[in-house]
Amino acid sequence: MADRIKILVLHGGTSEEREVSLESGKAVAQALAGRHEVELVRLDEARLPDCIRAVDTIVFPALHGSFGEDGQLQALLEAAAIEYCGSDAAASRLCMDKVAAKEIAVEQQVSTPDWVTFDAADKPLADDVIEALGASLVVKPVDQGSSVGLHFSEHRSALGVALSQIHKGKWLIEQRISGRELTVGLLGGKAMGVVEIVSSSGVYDYKAKYTPGSTEYRYPAELPPGVEVEMRCHAERLFAACGCRDFARIDFLLDDRRLYFLEVNTLPGLTETSLLPKSASCLGYDFAALADALVAPAISRLTGHLKGKVSP
């Protein structure tokens, strides 16, 4: 049954992360092509392509940011009864909202940096924010990825400048935790290897992520006894509590021996040099094997649906 199922890889999209998505889609489609019937489709607008046949196709949304990662695409796929890879619309919406995800972490008794949130039309005073959180801060959009719109502030004037540049959307200001940047991928809700991110500038922003040679990645990360186990447990609890499905990547900071949750990425980058493949490689997955593992649950779901339809 599975060999008659086509995988439609969607990439591109309309968000500020379009270029990253184009590369993820190409890499995933190429990795799957040896064992599956694959079609790579570029999205240039926020709508489903007309070529999807629900009866024999699953969708792999290699999309990042708005429309692809925020539940909009997933809701359209669900309404059309099309099976797809990754978290459903509800979990995608929740995890794209960094504040909602942080609130889940608090409920799960997982530490996360203290924060305030605001709308661009009602910006707080810099003095009030510093009084509540201190002077070392991170300013970022509530619902963007790949460090889009990220600002760091160490004093009042820098925060004032960052706030003055905000003109639309919902925003988050967090306490800046000085520590090691860590991330862990999950397959089927189970945590894989921990990756440490060491930026040469000390800041893991958009430039550090996508400029070759600007960041060192250590995997598996060398961590104090018990910290890796704790991080994996935190990640698995958060994956379940957020209602995630199939796969995700969860980011943390480590300050001495205390872990702080940052965010859940339901559609992380998927080139061969991205963080999720690095995490999976700690368990022996090469990129092709990882791609197979990412699509396997959706193939199983569609196969189950088809068997149900022909059952007596």
C-alpha atoms as a PDB file:
ATOM      1  CA  MET A   1       0.000   0.000   0.000  1.00  0.00           C
ATOM      2  CA  ALA A   2       2.728   2.509   0.987  1.00  0.00           C
ATOM      3  CA  ASP A   3       4.507   2.224  -2.357  1.00  0.00           C
ATOM      4  CA  ARG A   4       1.404   3.646  -4.090  1.00  0.00           C
ATOM      5  CA  ILE A   5       1.402   6.723  -1.870  1.00  0.00           C
ATOM      6  CA  LYS A   6       2.921   9.892  -3.294  1.00  0.00           C
ATOM      7  CA  ILE A   7       4.705  12.435  -1.099  1.00  0.00           C
ATOM      8  CA  LEU A   8       4.085  16.042  -2.055  1.00  0.00           C
ATOM      9  CA  VAL A   9       6.785  18.286  -0.560  1.00  0.00           C
ATOM     10  CA  LEU A  10       5.640  21.899  -0.214  1.00  0.00           C
ATOM     11  CA  HIS A  11       8.312  24.580   0.100  1.00  0.00           C
ATOM     12  CA  GLY A  12       8.740  28.293  -0.372  1.00  0.00           C
ATOM     13  CA  GLY A  13       5.708  30.063   1.037  1.00  0.00           C
ATOM     14  CA  THR A  14       5.150  33.731   1.768  1.00  0.00           C
ATOM     15  CA  SER A  15       6.967  34.319   5.056  1.00  0.00           C
ATOM     16  CA  GLU A  16      10.299  36.006   5.738  1.00  0.00           C
ATOM     17  CA  GLU A  17      11.757  32.490   6.017  1.00  0.00           C
ATOM     18  CA  ARG A  18      10.972  31.619   2.381  1.00  0.00           C
ATOM     19  CA  GLU A  19      14.597  31.158   1.310  1.00  0.00           C
ATOM     20  CA  VAL A  20      15.284  28.741   4.165  1.00  0.00           C
ATOM     21  CA  SER A  21      12.116  26.825   3.257  1.00  0.00           C
ATOM     22  CA  LEU A  22      13.160  26.523  -0.389  1.00  0.00           C
ATOM     23  CA  GLU A  23      16.396  24.828   0.688  1.00  0.00           C
ATOM     24  CA  SER A  24      14.633  22.543   3.210  1.00  0.00           C
ATOM     25  CA  GLY A  25      12.144  21.386   0.599  1.00  0.00           C
ATOM     26  CA  LYS A  26      14.793  20.574  -1.979  1.00  0.00           C
ATOM     27  CA  ALA A  27      16.837  18.603   0.553  1.00  0.00           C
ATOM     28  CA  VAL A  28      13.868  16.590   1.827  1.00  0.00           C
ATOM     29  CA  ALA A  29      12.561  15.815  -1.670  1.00  0.00           C
ATOM     30  CA  GLN A  30      15.990  14.663  -2.819  1.00  0.00           C
ATOM     31  CA  ALA A  31      16.429  12.465   0.264  1.00  0.00           C
ATOM     32  CA  LEU A  32      13.029  10.807  -0.221  1.00  0.00           C
ATOM     33  CA  ALA A  33      13.244  10.364  -3.983  1.00  0.00           C
ATOM     34  CA  GLY A  34      15.234   7.146  -3.829  1.00  0.00           C
ATOM     35  CA  ARG A  35      12.500   5.229  -1.996  1.00  0.00           C
ATOM     36  CA  HIS A  36       9.274   7.105  -2.672  1.00  0.00           C
ATOM     37  CA  GLU A  37       7.326   8.788  -5.431  1.00  0.00           C
ATOM     38  CA  VAL A  38       7.969  12.468  -4.665  1.00  0.00           C
ATOM     39  CA  GLU A  39       6.778  15.761  -6.134  1.00  0.00           C
ATOM     40  CA  LEU A  40       8.325  19.078  -5.060  1.00  0.00           C
ATOM     41  CA  VAL A  41       5.889  21.996  -5.248  1.00  0.00           C
ATOM     42  CA  ARG A  42       6.833  25.615  -4.625  1.00  0.00           C
ATOM     43  CA  LEU A  43       4.227  27.754  -2.904  1.00  0.00           C
ATOM     44  CA  ASP A  44       4.146  31.402  -3.939  1.00  0.00           C
ATOM     45  CA  GLU A  45       0.908  32.310  -2.181  1.00  0.00           C
ATOM     46  CA  ALA A  46      -0.948  31.294   0.974  1.00  0.00           C
ATOM     47  CA  ARG A  47      -3.173  28.608  -0.518  1.00  0.00           C
ATOM     48  CA  LEU A  48      -3.187  24.890  -1.194  1.00  0.00           C
ATOM     49  CA  PRO A  49      -2.029  23.839  -4.656  1.00  0.00           C
ATOM     50  CA  ASP A  50      -4.671  22.209  -6.832  1.00  0.00           C
ATOM     51  CA  CYS A  51      -2.651  19.066  -7.527  1.00  0.00           C
ATOM     52  CA  ILE A  52      -3.192  17.227  -4.205  1.00  0.00           C
ATOM     53  CA  ARG A  53      -5.178  13.973  -4.362  1.00  0.00           C
ATOM     54  CA  ALA A  54      -6.327  13.083  -0.858  1.00  0.00           C
ATOM     55  CA  VAL A  55      -6.820   9.434  -1.777  1.00  0.00           C
ATOM     56  CA  ASP A  56      -3.156   8.620  -2.468  1.00  0.00           C
ATOM     57  CA  THR A  57      -1.019  11.603  -1.415  1.00  0.00           C
ATOM     58  CA  ILE A  58       0.523  12.846   1.796  1.00  0.00           C
ATOM     59  CA  VAL A  59       1.926  16.341   2.178  1.00  0.00           C
ATOM     60  CA  PHE A  60       5.280  17.146   3.713  1.00  0.00           C
ATOM     61  CA  PRO A  61       5.160  20.857   4.614  1.00  0.00           C
ATOM     62  CA  ALA A  62       8.793  21.973   4.427  1.00  0.00           C
ATOM     63  CA  LEU A  63       7.649  25.483   5.298  1.00  0.00           C
ATOM     64  CA  HIS A  64       8.748  27.885   8.020  1.00  0.00           C
ATOM     65  CA  GLY A  65       7.084  30.906   9.546  1.00  0.00           C
ATOM     66  CA  SER A  66       3.631  32.265   8.760  1.00  0.00           C
ATOM     67  CA  PHE A  67       1.143  30.104   6.835  1.00  0.00           C
ATOM     68  CA  GLY A  68       3.346  27.001   6.913  1.00  0.00           C
ATOM     69  CA  GLU A  69       4.174  26.709  10.585  1.00  0.00           C
ATOM     70  CA  ASP A  70       1.359  28.592  12.325  1.00  0.00           C
ATOM     71  CA  GLY A  71      -1.482  26.149  11.674  1.00  0.00           C
ATOM     72  CA  GLN A  72      -3.030  27.882   8.666  1.00  0.00           C
ATOM     73  CA  LEU A  73      -1.780  25.338   6.133  1.00  0.00           C
ATOM     74  CA  GLN A  74      -2.562  22.470   8.482  1.00  0.00           C
ATOM     75  CA  ALA A  75      -6.157  23.689   8.908  1.00  0.00           C
ATOM     76  CA  LEU A  76      -6.623  23.786   5.115  1.00  0.00           C
ATOM     77  CA  LEU A  77      -5.209  20.273   4.782  1.00  0.00           C
ATOM     78  CA  GLU A  78      -7.503  18.990   7.524  1.00  0.00           C
ATOM     79  CA  ALA A  79     -10.550  20.634   5.919  1.00  0.00           C
ATOM     80  CA  ALA A  80      -9.661  18.917   2.636  1.00  0.00           C
ATOM     81  CA  ALA A  81      -9.112  15.546   4.403  1.00  0.00           C
ATOM     82  CA  ILE A  82      -5.503  15.441   3.169  1.00  0.00           C
ATOM     83  CA  GLU A  83      -3.007  13.555   5.330  1.00  0.00           C
ATOM     84  CA  TYR A  84       0.212  15.381   6.160  1.00  0.00           C
ATOM     85  CA  CYS A  85       3.413  15.134   8.181  1.00  0.00           C
ATOM     86  CA  GLY A  86       4.037  16.940  11.436  1.00  0.00           C
ATOM     87  CA  SER A  87       1.895  18.521  14.121  1.00  0.00           C
ATOM     88  CA  ASP A  88      -1.779  19.262  13.556  1.00  0.00           C
ATOM     89  CA  ALA A  89      -3.287  22.738  13.226  1.00  0.00           C
ATOM     90  CA  ALA A  90      -3.960  23.224  16.934  1.00  0.00           C
ATOM     91  CA  ALA A  91      -0.464  22.237  18.072  1.00  0.00           C
ATOM     92  CA  SER A  92       1.137  24.252  15.260  1.00  0.00           C
ATOM     93  CA  ARG A  93      -0.783  27.384  16.293  1.00  0.00           C
ATOM     94  CA  LEU A  94       0.150  26.900  19.932  1.00  0.00           C
ATOM     95  CA  CYS A  95       3.868  26.326  19.350  1.00  0.00           C
ATOM     96  CA  MET A  96       4.196  29.193  16.881  1.00  0.00           C
ATOM     97  CA  ASP A  97       2.983  31.470  19.682  1.00  0.00           C
ATOM     98  CA  LYS A  98       6.078  31.694  21.897  1.00  0.00           C
ATOM     99  CA  VAL A  99       4.049  33.076  24.812  1.00  0.00           C
ATOM    100  CA  ALA A 100       1.513  30.227  24.696  1.00  0.00           C
ATOM    101  CA  ALA A 101       4.380  27.699  24.591  1.00  0.00           C
ATOM    102  CA  LYS A 102       6.074  29.385  27.569  1.00  0.00           C
ATOM    103  CA  GLU A 103       2.807  29.188  29.498  1.00  0.00           C
ATOM    104  CA  ILE A 104       2.702  25.440  28.809  1.00  0.00           C
ATOM    105  CA  ALA A 105       6.267  25.181  30.122  1.00  0.00           C
ATOM    106  CA  VAL A 106       5.250  26.952  33.333  1.00  0.00           C
ATOM    107  CA  GLU A 107       2.325  24.525  33.731  1.00  0.00           C
ATOM    108  CA  GLN A 108       4.767  21.628  33.263  1.00  0.00           C
ATOM    109  CA  GLN A 109       7.142  23.125  35.877  1.00  0.00           C
ATOM    110  CA  VAL A 110       9.879  23.634  33.281  1.00  0.00           C
ATOM    111  CA  SER A 111      11.839  26.858  33.837  1.00  0.00           C
ATOM    112  CA  THR A 112      11.613  29.538  31.157  1.00  0.00           C
ATOM    113  CA  PRO A 113      13.006  33.099  31.181  1.00  0.00           C
ATOM    114  CA  ASP A 114      10.639  35.659  32.750  1.00  0.00           C
ATOM    115  CA  TRP A 115       8.886  37.778  30.146  1.00  0.00           C
ATOM    116  CA  VAL A 116       6.428  40.480  29.232  1.00  0.00           C
ATOM    117  CA  THR A 117       4.376  40.586  26.052  1.00  0.00           C
ATOM    118  CA  PHE A 118       2.814  43.479  24.190  1.00  0.00           C
ATOM    119  CA  ASP A 119       1.217  44.606  20.949  1.00  0.00           C
ATOM    120  CA  ALA A 120       3.073  47.051  18.715  1.00  0.00           C
ATOM    121  CA  ALA A 121       0.206  49.516  19.121  1.00  0.00           C
ATOM    122  CA  ASP A 122       0.661  49.524  22.900  1.00  0.00           C
ATOM    123  CA  LYS A 123       4.410  49.392  23.553  1.00  0.00           C
ATOM    124  CA  PRO A 124       5.608  49.460  27.166  1.00  0.00           C
ATOM    125  CA  LEU A 125       7.994  52.054  28.551  1.00  0.00           C
ATOM    126  CA  ALA A 126      11.618  50.905  28.611  1.00  0.00           C
ATOM    127  CA  ASP A 127      11.942  51.898  32.270  1.00  0.00           C
ATOM    128  CA  ASP A 128       8.938  49.743  33.238  1.00  0.00           C
ATOM    129  CA  VAL A 129      10.329  46.708  31.404  1.00  0.00           C
ATOM    130  CA  ILE A 130      13.762  47.068  33.021  1.00  0.00           C
ATOM    131  CA  GLU A 131      12.195  47.452  36.448  1.00  0.00           C
ATOM    132  CA  ALA A 132      10.300  44.170  35.919  1.00  0.00           C
ATOM    133  CA  LEU A 133      12.957  42.077  34.156  1.00  0.00           C
ATOM    134  CA  GLY A 134      16.337  43.780  34.536  1.00  0.00           C
ATOM    135  CA  ALA A 135      18.483  45.458  31.878  1.00  0.00           C
ATOM    136  CA  SER A 136      19.761  42.384  29.985  1.00  0.00           C
ATOM    137  CA  LEU A 137      16.923  41.507  27.621  1.00  0.00           C
ATOM    138  CA  VAL A 138      15.889  39.778  24.409  1.00  0.00           C
ATOM    139  CA  VAL A 139      13.192  41.332  22.207  1.00  0.00           C
ATOM    140  CA  LYS A 140      11.535  39.152  19.554  1.00  0.00           C
ATOM    141  CA  PRO A 141       8.242  38.649  17.709  1.00  0.00           C
ATOM    142  CA  VAL A 142       5.794  36.269  19.335  1.00  0.00           C
ATOM    143  CA  ASP A 143       5.184  34.323  16.116  1.00  0.00           C
ATOM    144  CA  GLN A 144       8.282  34.312  13.897  1.00  0.00           C
ATOM    145  CA  GLY A 145      11.143  31.851  13.582  1.00  0.00           C
ATOM    146  CA  SER A 146      14.761  31.759  12.354  1.00  0.00           C
ATOM    147  CA  SER A 147      15.525  34.697  14.686  1.00  0.00           C
ATOM    148  CA  VAL A 148      13.556  37.098  12.459  1.00  0.00           C
ATOM    149  CA  GLY A 149      13.220  40.452  14.261  1.00  0.00           C
ATOM    150  CA  LEU A 150      15.495  39.426  17.136  1.00  0.00           C
ATOM    151  CA  HIS A 151      17.074  42.213  19.244  1.00  0.00           C
ATOM    152  CA  PHE A 152      19.387  42.075  22.259  1.00  0.00           C
ATOM    153  CA  SER A 153      19.499  44.877  24.809  1.00  0.00           C
ATOM    154  CA  GLU A 154      21.874  45.501  27.719  1.00  0.00           C
ATOM    155  CA  HIS A 155      20.786  49.018  28.719  1.00  0.00           C
ATOM    156  CA  ARG A 156      17.876  51.419  28.571  1.00  0.00           C
ATOM    157  CA  SER A 157      18.899  53.261  25.398  1.00  0.00           C
ATOM    158  CA  ALA A 158      19.295  50.019  23.395  1.00  0.00           C
ATOM    159  CA  LEU A 159      15.880  48.828  24.552  1.00  0.00           C
ATOM    160  CA  GLY A 160      14.391  52.178  23.603  1.00  0.00           C
ATOM    161  CA  VAL A 161      15.855  51.898  20.102  1.00  0.00           C
ATOM    162  CA  ALA A 162      14.548  48.325  19.716  1.00  0.00           C
ATOM    163  CA  LEU A 163      11.055  49.381  20.827  1.00  0.00           C
ATOM    164  CA  SER A 164      11.085  52.363  18.455  1.00  0.00           C
ATOM    165  CA  GLN A 165      11.643  50.015  15.499  1.00  0.00           C
ATOM    166  CA  ILE A 166       8.533  47.928  16.269  1.00  0.00           C
ATOM    167  CA  HIS A 167       5.520  48.982  14.213  1.00  0.00           C
ATOM    168  CA  LYS A 168       3.269  45.924  13.932  1.00  0.00           C
ATOM    169  CA  GLY A 169       2.537  42.540  15.455  1.00  0.00           C
ATOM    170  CA  LYS A 170       2.763  40.942  18.874  1.00  0.00           C
ATOM    171  CA  TRP A 171       6.104  40.981  20.691  1.00  0.00           C
ATOM    172  CA  LEU A 172       7.882  39.339  23.573  1.00  0.00           C
ATOM    173  CA  ILE A 173      10.597  40.698  25.859  1.00  0.00           C
ATOM    174  CA  GLU A 174      12.480  38.059  27.876  1.00  0.00           C
ATOM    175  CA  GLN A 175      15.163  38.159  30.490  1.00  0.00           C
ATOM    176  CA  ARG A 176      18.415  37.322  28.725  1.00  0.00           C
ATOM    177  CA  ILE A 177      19.930  34.195  30.256  1.00  0.00           C
ATOM    178  CA  SER A 178      23.692  33.932  29.859  1.00  0.00           C
ATOM    179  CA  GLY A 179      24.389  30.297  29.190  1.00  0.00           C
ATOM    180  CA  ARG A 180      24.936  27.520  26.685  1.00  0.00           C
ATOM    181  CA  GLU A 181      22.507  27.272  23.770  1.00  0.00           C
ATOM    182  CA  LEU A 182      21.148  23.748  23.358  1.00  0.00           C
ATOM    183  CA  THR A 183      18.562  22.063  21.181  1.00  0.00           C
ATOM    184  CA  VAL A 184      17.144  18.560  20.880  1.00  0.00           C
ATOM    185  CA  GLY A 185      15.155  16.898  18.115  1.00  0.00           C
ATOM    186  CA  LEU A 186      12.242  14.565  18.758  1.00  0.00           C
ATOM    187  CA  LEU A 187      10.852  11.723  16.659  1.00  0.00           C
ATOM    188  CA  GLY A 188       7.506  10.308  17.695  1.00  0.00           C
ATOM    189  CA  GLY A 189       7.775  12.207  20.957  1.00  0.00           C
ATOM    190  CA  LYS A 190      11.130  10.671  21.894  1.00  0.00           C
ATOM    191  CA  ALA A 191      14.140  12.938  22.346  1.00  0.00           C
ATOM    192  CA  MET A 192      17.256  12.292  20.292  1.00  0.00           C
ATOM    193  CA  GLY A 193      20.756  13.735  20.729  1.00  0.00           C
ATOM    194  CA  VAL A 194      21.436  17.137  22.267  1.00  0.00           C
ATOM    195  CA  VAL A 195      23.190  19.701  20.043  1.00  0.00           C
ATOM    196  CA  GLU A 196      25.148  22.640  21.471  1.00  0.00           C
ATOM    197  CA  ILE A 197      25.259  25.835  19.412  1.00  0.00           C
ATOM    198  CA  VAL A 198      28.363  28.019  19.773  1.00  0.00           C
ATOM    199  CA  SER A 199      28.155  31.265  17.788  1.00  0.00           C
ATOM    200  CA  SER A 200      31.437  33.077  17.131  1.00  0.00           C
ATOM    201  CA  SER A 201      29.690  36.398  17.857  1.00  0.00           C
ATOM    202  CA  GLY A 202      28.075  35.113  21.054  1.00  0.00           C
ATOM    203  CA  VAL A 203      24.641  35.721  19.532  1.00  0.00           C
ATOM    204  CA  TYR A 204      22.735  33.019  17.614  1.00  0.00           C
ATOM    205  CA  ASP A 205      20.773  35.340  15.320  1.00  0.00           C
ATOM    206  CA  TYR A 206      19.735  35.026  11.663  1.00  0.00           C
ATOM    207  CA  LYS A 207      23.257  35.850  10.450  1.00  0.00           C
ATOM    208  CA  ALA A 208      24.851  33.264  12.758  1.00  0.00           C
ATOM    209  CA  LYS A 209      22.375  30.611  11.630  1.00  0.00           C
ATOM    210  CA  TYR A 210      22.850  31.036   7.900  1.00  0.00           C
ATOM    211  CA  THR A 211      26.387  32.372   7.402  1.00  0.00           C
ATOM    212  CA  PRO A 212      28.784  29.451   6.781  1.00  0.00           C
ATOM    213  CA  GLY A 213      31.529  29.150   9.378  1.00  0.00           C
ATOM    214  CA  SER A 214      30.026  31.622  11.849  1.00  0.00           C
ATOM    215  CA  THR A 215      28.732  28.961  14.251  1.00  0.00           C
ATOM    216  CA  GLU A 216      30.161  25.757  15.711  1.00  0.00           C
ATOM    217  CA  TYR A 217      27.867  22.819  16.477  1.00  0.00           C
ATOM    218  CA  ARG A 218      28.799  20.185  19.040  1.00  0.00           C
ATOM    219  CA  TYR A 219      26.819  16.958  18.965  1.00  0.00           C
ATOM    220  CA  PRO A 220      26.281  15.073  21.074  1.00  0.00           C
ATOM    221  CA  ALA A 221      26.837  17.955  23.488  1.00  0.00           C
ATOM    222  CA  GLU A 222      29.089  17.336  26.472  1.00  0.00           C
ATOM    223  CA  LEU A 223      26.897  18.114  29.473  1.00  0.00           C
ATOM    224  CA  PRO A 224      27.167  17.755  33.261  1.00  0.00           C
ATOM    225  CA  PRO A 225      25.883  14.445  34.665  1.00  0.00           C
ATOM    226  CA  GLY A 226      22.108  14.360  34.733  1.00  0.00           C
ATOM    227  CA  VAL A 227      21.567  17.497  32.627  1.00  0.00           C
ATOM    228  CA  GLU A 228      21.082  15.618  29.351  1.00  0.00           C
ATOM    229  CA  VAL A 229      18.575  13.252  30.975  1.00  0.00           C
ATOM    230  CA  GLU A 230      16.701  16.207  32.460  1.00  0.00           C
ATOM    231  CA  MET A 231      16.637  18.051  29.141  1.00  0.00           C
ATOM    232  CA  ARG A 232      15.378  15.029  27.236  1.00  0.00           C
ATOM    233  CA  CYS A 233      12.639  14.512  29.847  1.00  0.00           C
ATOM    234  CA  HIS A 234      11.640  18.189  29.658  1.00  0.00           C
ATOM    235  CA  ALA A 235      11.505  18.007  25.862  1.00  0.00           C
ATOM    236  CA  GLU A 236       9.348  14.891  25.831  1.00  0.00           C
ATOM    237  CA  ARG A 237       6.942  16.385  28.398  1.00  0.00           C
ATOM    238  CA  LEU A 238       6.622  19.600  26.423  1.00  0.00           C
ATOM    239  CA  PHE A 239       6.127  17.740  23.124  1.00  0.00           C
ATOM    240  CA  ALA A 240       3.215  15.852  24.676  1.00  0.00           C
ATOM    241  CA  ALA A 241       1.763  18.818  26.587  1.00  0.00           C
ATOM    242  CA  CYS A 242       1.736  20.978  23.445  1.00  0.00           C
ATOM    243  CA  GLY A 243      -0.017  18.211  21.489  1.00  0.00           C
ATOM    244  CA  CYS A 244       2.830  17.821  18.991  1.00  0.00           C
ATOM    245  CA  ARG A 245       2.888  14.965  16.500  1.00  0.00           C
ATOM    246  CA  ASP A 246       5.521  13.078  14.494  1.00  0.00           C
ATOM    247  CA  PHE A 247       8.561  15.352  15.042  1.00  0.00           C
ATOM    248  CA  ALA A 248       9.749  18.672  16.442  1.00  0.00           C
ATOM    249  CA  ARG A 249      12.827  20.445  17.776  1.00  0.00           C
ATOM    250  CA  ILE A 250      12.917  22.131  21.191  1.00  0.00           C
ATOM    251  CA  ASP A 251      15.401  24.808  22.227  1.00  0.00           C
ATOM    252  CA  PHE A 252      16.855  25.416  25.695  1.00  0.00           C
ATOM    253  CA  LEU A 253      19.487  27.486  27.482  1.00  0.00           C
ATOM    254  CA  LEU A 254      21.719  26.047  30.196  1.00  0.00           C
ATOM    255  CA  ASP A 255      22.872  28.472  32.909  1.00  0.00           C
ATOM    256  CA  ASP A 256      25.331  26.548  35.076  1.00  0.00           C
ATOM    257  CA  ARG A 257      23.130  23.489  35.742  1.00  0.00           C
ATOM    258  CA  ARG A 258      19.700  25.100  35.309  1.00  0.00           C
ATOM    259  CA  LEU A 259      17.814  24.538  32.059  1.00  0.00           C
ATOM    260  CA  TYR A 260      15.509  27.182  30.579  1.00  0.00           C
ATOM    261  CA  PHE A 261      12.969  26.378  27.872  1.00  0.00           C
ATOM    262  CA  LEU A 262      12.937  28.768  24.900  1.00  0.00           C
ATOM    263  CA  GLU A 263      10.612  27.470  22.176  1.00  0.00           C
ATOM    264  CA  VAL A 264       9.188  24.534  20.219  1.00  0.00           C
ATOM    265  CA  ASN A 265       9.836  24.309  16.472  1.00  0.00           C
ATOM    266  CA  THR A 266       7.201  22.085  14.837  1.00  0.00           C
ATOM    267  CA  LEU A 267       8.724  22.463  11.341  1.00  0.00           C
ATOM    268  CA  PRO A 268      12.453  22.920  11.930  1.00  0.00           C
ATOM    269  CA  GLY A 269      14.986  23.486   9.182  1.00  0.00           C
ATOM    270  CA  LEU A 270      15.716  20.337   7.187  1.00  0.00           C
ATOM    271  CA  THR A 271      18.819  20.748   5.113  1.00  0.00           C
ATOM    272  CA  GLU A 272      21.600  18.240   5.737  1.00  0.00           C
ATOM    273  CA  THR A 273      23.359  20.802   7.941  1.00  0.00           C
ATOM    274  CA  SER A 274      20.297  21.827   9.986  1.00  0.00           C
ATOM    275  CA  LEU A 275      19.911  21.168  13.707  1.00  0.00           C
ATOM    276  CA  LEU A 276      17.317  18.378  13.578  1.00  0.00           C
ATOM    277  CA  PRO A 277      19.512  16.174  11.335  1.00  0.00           C
ATOM    278  CA  LYS A 278      22.451  16.817  13.685  1.00  0.00           C
ATOM    279  CA  SER A 279      20.354  15.677  16.643  1.00  0.00           C
ATOM    280  CA  ALA A 280      19.192  12.576  14.738  1.00  0.00           C
ATOM    281  CA  SER A 281      22.756  11.710  13.692  1.00  0.00           C
ATOM    282  CA  CYS A 282      23.580  11.135  17.376  1.00  0.00           C
ATOM    283  CA  LEU A 283      21.279   8.094  17.143  1.00  0.00           C
ATOM    284  CA  GLY A 284      22.788   6.882  13.874  1.00  0.00           C
ATOM    285  CA  TYR A 285      20.384   8.433  11.360  1.00  0.00           C
ATOM    286  CA  ASP A 286      21.842   9.704   8.122  1.00  0.00           C
ATOM    287  CA  PHE A 287      19.774  12.331   6.293  1.00  0.00           C
ATOM    288  CA  ALA A 288      17.969   9.837   4.049  1.00  0.00           C
ATOM    289  CA  ALA A 289      17.016   7.626   6.997  1.00  0.00           C
ATOM    290  CA  LEU A 290      15.797  10.673   8.920  1.00  0.00           C
ATOM    291  CA  ALA A 291      13.657  11.802   5.976  1.00  0.00           C
ATOM    292  CA  ASP A 292      12.073   8.326   5.860  1.00  0.00           C
ATOM    293  CA  ALA A 293      11.378   8.480   9.599  1.00  0.00           C
ATOM    294  CA  LEU A 294       9.752  11.918   9.273  1.00  0.00           C
ATOM    295  CA  VAL A 295       7.227  10.752   6.658  1.00  0.00           C
ATOM    296  CA  ALA A 296       6.589   7.247   8.047  1.00  0.00           C
ATOM    297  CA  PRO A 297       3.807   8.209  10.539  1.00  0.00           C
ATOM    298  CA  ALA A 298       1.788  10.072   7.887  1.00  0.00           C
ATOM    299  CA  ILE A 299       2.172   7.159   5.454  1.00  0.00           C
ATOM    300  CA  SER A 300       0.926   4.854   8.207  1.00  0.00           C
ATOM    301  CA  ARG A 301      -2.058   7.120   8.916  1.00  0.00           C
ATOM    302  CA  LEU A 302      -3.078   7.287   5.253  1.00  0.00           C
ATOM    303  CA  THR A 303      -2.558   3.546   4.811  1.00  0.00           C
ATOM    304  CA  GLY A 304      -4.824   2.981   7.823  1.00  0.00           C
ATOM    305  CA  HIS A 305      -7.499   5.236   6.341  1.00  0.00           C
ATOM    306  CA  LEU A 306      -7.369   3.399   3.007  1.00  0.00           C
ATOM    307  CA  LYS A 307      -7.610  -0.008   4.691  1.00  0.00           C
ATOM    308  CA  GLY A 308     -10.569   1.213   6.698  1.00  0.00           C
ATOM    309  CA  LYS A 309     -12.387   2.274   3.547  1.00  0.00           C
ATOM    310  CA  VAL A 310     -12.021  -1.152   1.914  1.00  0.00           C
ATOM    311  CA  SER A 311     -12.748  -3.190   5.043  1.00  0.00           C
ATOM    312  CA  PRO A 312     -15.967  -5.226   4.893  1.00  0.00           C
END
